[in-house]
C-alpha atoms as a PDB file:
ATOM      1  CA  MET A   1    -196.296 158.352-132.604  1.00  0.00           C
ATOM      2  CA  LYS A   2    -192.640 157.532-132.930  1.00  0.00           C
ATOM      3  CA  ASN A   3    -191.462 153.917-132.551  1.00  0.00           C
ATOM      4  CA  ASP A   4    -187.799 154.050-131.425  1.00  0.00           C
ATOM      5  CA  SER A   5    -187.585 150.666-129.791  1.00  0.00           C
ATOM      6  CA  ALA A   6    -184.038 149.318-129.768  1.00  0.00           C
ATOM      7  CA  GLY A   7    -183.438 145.654-130.476  1.00  0.00           C
ATOM      8  CA  PHE A   8    -182.900 143.055-133.133  1.00  0.00           C
ATOM      9  CA  THR A   9    -185.378 141.710-135.595  1.00  0.00           C
ATOM     10  CA  LEU A  10    -186.128 138.018-135.789  1.00  0.00           C
ATOM     11  CA  VAL A  11    -184.348 137.801-139.162  1.00  0.00           C
ATOM     12  CA  GLU A  12    -181.168 139.305-137.696  1.00  0.00           C
ATOM     13  CA  LEU A  13    -181.205 136.869-134.778  1.00  0.00           C
ATOM     14  CA  ILE A  14    -181.701 133.840-137.032  1.00  0.00           C
ATOM     15  CA  ALA A  15    -178.932 134.998-139.397  1.00  0.00           C
ATOM     16  CA  THR A  16    -176.560 135.410-136.437  1.00  0.00           C
ATOM     17  CA  LEU A  17    -177.383 131.935-135.126  1.00  0.00           C
ATOM     18  CA  VAL A  18    -176.780 130.410-138.559  1.00  0.00           C
ATOM     19  CA  VAL A  19    -173.348 132.087-138.834  1.00  0.00           C
ATOM     20  CA  VAL A  20    -172.390 131.007-135.293  1.00  0.00           C
ATOM     21  CA  GLY A  21    -173.505 127.454-136.084  1.00  0.00           C
ATOM     22  CA  ILE A  22    -171.388 127.298-139.221  1.00  0.00           C
ATOM     23  CA  LEU A  23    -168.355 128.610-137.352  1.00  0.00           C
ATOM     24  CA  ALA A  24    -168.894 126.108-134.558  1.00  0.00           C
ATOM     25  CA  VAL A  25    -168.951 123.202-137.001  1.00  0.00           C
ATOM     26  CA  ALA A  26    -165.899 124.385-138.937  1.00  0.00           C
ATOM     27  CA  VAL A  27    -163.654 125.807-136.219  1.00  0.00           C
ATOM     28  CA  ALA A  28    -164.479 123.990-132.969  1.00  0.00           C
ATOM     29  CA  PRO A  29    -162.816 120.669-133.886  1.00  0.00           C
ATOM     30  CA  ARG A  30    -159.508 122.514-134.417  1.00  0.00           C
ATOM     31  CA  PHE A  31    -159.575 123.852-130.876  1.00  0.00           C
ATOM     32  CA  LEU A  32    -161.115 120.909-129.069  1.00  0.00           C
ATOM     33  CA  GLY A  33    -158.879 118.180-130.421  1.00  0.00           C
ATOM     34  CA  GLY A  34    -155.471 117.811-131.952  1.00  0.00           C
ATOM     35  CA  HIS A  35    -156.450 115.499-134.787  1.00  0.00           C
ATOM     36  CA  GLY A  36    -154.066 116.104-137.625  1.00  0.00           C
ATOM     37  CA  PHE A  37    -151.610 118.217-135.677  1.00  0.00           C
ATOM     38  CA  GLU A  38    -149.789 115.305-134.035  1.00  0.00           C
ATOM     39  CA  GLU A  39    -149.508 113.429-137.305  1.00  0.00           C
ATOM     40  CA  ARG A  40    -148.094 116.498-139.050  1.00  0.00           C
ATOM     41  CA  GLY A  41    -145.672 117.132-136.187  1.00  0.00           C
ATOM     42  CA  PHE A  42    -144.397 113.542-136.217  1.00  0.00           C
ATOM     43  CA  TYR A  43    -144.105 113.668-140.010  1.00  0.00           C
ATOM     44  CA  ASP A  44    -142.070 116.893-139.884  1.00  0.00           C
ATOM     45  CA  GLU A  45    -139.776 115.642-137.111  1.00  0.00           C
ATOM     46  CA  THR A  46    -139.167 112.324-138.890  1.00  0.00           C
ATOM     47  CA  LEU A  47    -138.422 114.139-142.141  1.00  0.00           C
ATOM     48  CA  SER A  48    -135.954 116.416-140.335  1.00  0.00           C
ATOM     49  CA  ALA A  49    -134.274 113.476-138.592  1.00  0.00           C
ATOM     50  CA  LEU A  50    -133.758 111.645-141.882  1.00  0.00           C
ATOM     51  CA  ARG A  51    -132.327 114.759-143.523  1.00  0.00           C
ATOM     52  CA  TYR A  52    -130.063 115.272-140.506  1.00  0.00           C
ATOM     53  CA  ALA A  53    -128.867 111.650-140.723  1.00  0.00           C
ATOM     54  CA  GLN A  54    -127.958 112.062-144.373  1.00  0.00           C
ATOM     55  CA  LYS A  55    -126.161 115.368-143.775  1.00  0.00           C
ATOM     56  CA  ALA A  56    -124.302 113.980-140.743  1.00  0.00           C
ATOM     57  CA  ALA A  57    -123.085 111.011-142.783  1.00  0.00           C
ATOM     58  CA  VAL A  58    -121.633 113.341-145.408  1.00  0.00           C
ATOM     59  CA  ALA A  59    -120.236 115.897-142.950  1.00  0.00           C
ATOM     60  CA  GLN A  60    -118.546 113.337-140.682  1.00  0.00           C
ATOM     61  CA  ARG A  61    -117.726 110.895-143.489  1.00  0.00           C
ATOM     62  CA  ARG A  62    -119.141 107.988-141.551  1.00  0.00           C
ATOM     63  CA  LEU A  63    -121.933 105.470-141.730  1.00  0.00           C
ATOM     64  CA  VAL A  64    -125.154 106.691-140.076  1.00  0.00           C
ATOM     65  CA  CYS A  65    -127.879 104.211-139.121  1.00  0.00           C
ATOM     66  CA  VAL A  66    -131.587 104.972-138.762  1.00  0.00           C
ATOM     67  CA  ALA A  67    -133.604 102.508-136.674  1.00  0.00           C
ATOM     68  CA  PHE A  68    -137.395 102.540-136.522  1.00  0.00           C
ATOM     69  CA  THR A  69    -139.951 101.186-134.080  1.00  0.00           C
ATOM     70  CA  ALA A  70    -143.691 101.758-134.376  1.00  0.00           C
ATOM     71  CA  LYS A  71    -143.380 105.181-132.694  1.00  0.00           C
ATOM     72  CA  THR A  72    -139.685 106.159-132.694  1.00  0.00           C
ATOM     73  CA  VAL A  73    -136.746 106.973-134.937  1.00  0.00           C
ATOM     74  CA  THR A  74    -133.232 106.593-133.469  1.00  0.00           C
ATOM     75  CA  LEU A  75    -130.007 107.747-135.120  1.00  0.00           C
ATOM     76  CA  THR A  76    -126.583 106.189-134.490  1.00  0.00           C
ATOM     77  CA  ILE A  77    -123.230 106.682-136.197  1.00  0.00           C
ATOM     78  CA  ALA A  78    -120.083 104.620-136.765  1.00  0.00           C
ATOM     79  CA  SER A  79    -117.161 105.604-134.546  1.00  0.00           C
ATOM     80  CA  ALA A  80    -114.692 105.358-137.440  1.00  0.00           C
ATOM     81  CA  ASN A  81    -114.549 105.180-141.209  1.00  0.00           C
ATOM     82  CA  PRO A  82    -114.696 102.606-142.696  1.00  0.00           C
ATOM     83  CA  ALA A  83    -117.045 100.717-140.417  1.00  0.00           C
ATOM     84  CA  ALA A  84    -119.660  98.053-140.981  1.00  0.00           C
ATOM     85  CA  ASN A  85    -121.961  99.064-138.134  1.00  0.00           C
ATOM     86  CA  CYS A  86    -123.076 102.065-136.108  1.00  0.00           C
ATOM     87  CA  ASN A  87    -121.835 101.809-132.550  1.00  0.00           C
ATOM     88  CA  THR A  88    -122.118 105.385-131.238  1.00  0.00           C
ATOM     89  CA  ASP A  89    -125.153 107.531-130.496  1.00  0.00           C
ATOM     90  CA  LEU A  90    -125.516 110.413-132.935  1.00  0.00           C
ATOM     91  CA  THR A  91    -125.819 113.743-131.151  1.00  0.00           C
ATOM     92  CA  GLY A  92    -128.796 115.747-132.325  1.00  0.00           C
ATOM     93  CA  PRO A  93    -128.832 119.428-133.281  1.00  0.00           C
ATOM     94  CA  ASN A  94    -129.958 120.345-129.756  1.00  0.00           C
ATOM     95  CA  GLY A  95    -127.046 118.452-128.165  1.00  0.00           C
ATOM     96  CA  SER A  96    -128.984 115.414-126.979  1.00  0.00           C
ATOM     97  CA  ALA A  97    -127.625 111.941-127.636  1.00  0.00           C
ATOM     98  CA  PRO A  98    -128.933 109.719-129.036  1.00  0.00           C
ATOM     99  CA  TYR A  99    -131.033 111.707-131.462  1.00  0.00           C
ATOM    100  CA  ILE A 100    -134.518 110.209-131.038  1.00  0.00           C
ATOM    101  CA  VAL A 101    -137.837 111.293-132.502  1.00  0.00           C
ATOM    102  CA  ASP A 102    -140.661 109.934-130.376  1.00  0.00           C
ATOM    103  CA  ALA A 103    -144.340 110.085-131.371  1.00  0.00           C
ATOM    104  CA  SER A 104    -145.453 110.264-127.743  1.00  0.00           C
ATOM    105  CA  ALA A 105    -143.325 113.396-127.229  1.00  0.00           C
ATOM    106  CA  VAL A 106    -144.985 115.029-130.239  1.00  0.00           C
ATOM    107  CA  SER A 107    -148.498 114.129-129.078  1.00  0.00           C
ATOM    108  CA  LYS A 108    -149.767 117.041-126.985  1.00  0.00           C
ATOM    109  CA  TYR A 109    -153.324 115.752-126.837  1.00  0.00           C
ATOM    110  CA  GLY A 110    -152.555 112.130-125.971  1.00  0.00           C
ATOM    111  CA  ASN A 111    -153.297 110.740-129.421  1.00  0.00           C
ATOM    112  CA  ALA A 112    -152.023 107.180-129.169  1.00  0.00           C
ATOM    113  CA  ASP A 113    -152.631 106.515-132.866  1.00  0.00           C
ATOM    114  CA  VAL A 114    -149.625 108.482-134.160  1.00  0.00           C
ATOM    115  CA  LYS A 115    -147.200 105.870-135.499  1.00  0.00           C
ATOM    116  CA  PHE A 116    -145.567 104.470-138.598  1.00  0.00           C
ATOM    117  CA  ALA A 117    -147.842 102.352-140.746  1.00  0.00           C
ATOM    118  CA  PRO A 118    -146.174  99.978-141.472  1.00  0.00           C
ATOM    119  CA  VAL A 119    -142.934 100.169-139.486  1.00  0.00           C
ATOM    120  CA  PRO A 120    -140.154 100.962-141.982  1.00  0.00           C
ATOM    121  CA  ALA A 121    -137.050  98.826-142.388  1.00  0.00           C
ATOM    122  CA  ALA A 122    -133.811 100.172-140.940  1.00  0.00           C
ATOM    123  CA  LEU A 123    -131.845 102.537-143.179  1.00  0.00           C
ATOM    124  CA  THR A 124    -128.195 103.462-143.374  1.00  0.00           C
ATOM    125  CA  PHE A 125    -126.536 106.415-145.060  1.00  0.00           C
ATOM    126  CA  ASP A 126    -122.977 105.846-146.284  1.00  0.00           C
ATOM    127  CA  PRO A 127    -120.247 108.540-146.055  1.00  0.00           C
ATOM    128  CA  LEU A 128    -121.375 109.909-149.420  1.00  0.00           C
ATOM    129  CA  GLY A 129    -124.970 110.270-148.188  1.00  0.00           C
ATOM    130  CA  LYS A 130    -126.345 107.410-150.269  1.00  0.00           C
ATOM    131  CA  PRO A 131    -128.976 105.281-148.479  1.00  0.00           C
ATOM    132  CA  SER A 132    -128.840 101.515-148.216  1.00  0.00           C
ATOM    133  CA  ALA A 133    -132.157 101.345-150.107  1.00  0.00           C
ATOM    134  CA  ALA A 134    -134.924 103.560-151.369  1.00  0.00           C
ATOM    135  CA  ALA A 135    -137.666 104.010-148.799  1.00  0.00           C
ATOM    136  CA  THR A 136    -141.213 105.249-148.539  1.00  0.00           C
ATOM    137  CA  ILE A 137    -142.244 106.031-144.973  1.00  0.00           C
ATOM    138  CA  GLN A 138    -145.885 106.543-144.054  1.00  0.00           C
ATOM    139  CA  ILE A 139    -147.289 108.065-140.855  1.00  0.00           C
ATOM    140  CA  SER A 140    -150.711 106.696-139.885  1.00  0.00           C
ATOM    141  CA  GLY A 141    -153.460 109.238-140.393  1.00  0.00           C
ATOM    142  CA  PHE A 142    -151.299 111.521-142.558  1.00  0.00           C
ATOM    143  CA  PRO A 143    -151.786 111.439-146.333  1.00  0.00           C
ATOM    144  CA  GLN A 144    -148.281 112.395-147.449  1.00  0.00           C
ATOM    145  CA  ALA A 145    -145.394 109.893-147.335  1.00  0.00           C
ATOM    146  CA  ILE A 146    -141.690 110.570-146.782  1.00  0.00           C
ATOM    147  CA  THR A 147    -139.538 109.383-149.672  1.00  0.00           C
ATOM    148  CA  VAL A 148    -135.819 108.590-149.578  1.00  0.00           C
ATOM    149  CA  GLU A 149    -134.305 108.456-153.075  1.00  0.00           C
ATOM    150  CA  ALA A 150    -132.031 105.465-153.741  1.00  0.00           C
ATOM    151  CA  GLU A 151    -129.361 107.142-155.855  1.00  0.00           C
ATOM    152  CA  THR A 152    -128.962 110.525-154.184  1.00  0.00           C
ATOM    153  CA  GLY A 153    -130.276 110.023-150.650  1.00  0.00           C
ATOM    154  CA  HIS A 154    -132.537 113.034-151.106  1.00  0.00           C
ATOM    155  CA  VAL A 155    -135.265 112.992-148.440  1.00  0.00           C
ATOM    156  CA  HIS A 156    -138.578 114.607-149.318  1.00  0.00           C
END
């Protein structure tokens, strides 16, 4: 008698369930929540804004100011050189003025915890691109900090 029954053995079914369980634990949180993505997005946008501020100061030979709140970065520029303060909105690369990075705009999943921790002090970049002070900027929930070098203004 020939036994040609089609189907899976119990060992195959258990092995499949174990693999599916491991994938569910490792992959599901990436798809069900945005934890980590908002923080990285806000970090990248803040880093880009600071680099843009430094480059704009050099290119336009004017003072550029960077103001921080708990969840925003705003860039302004002096209307003339020399100037002691920034009195004009700095136009961003996309043409919007003022150039603002907002954590709530980055947050696609409604994560209200994306913010600076602590809120950084205001920065200025002089016409040579040198910052008013060295700075270390930390985003809550993200391990890497943004550093602004005192002598060169290099942002990394």
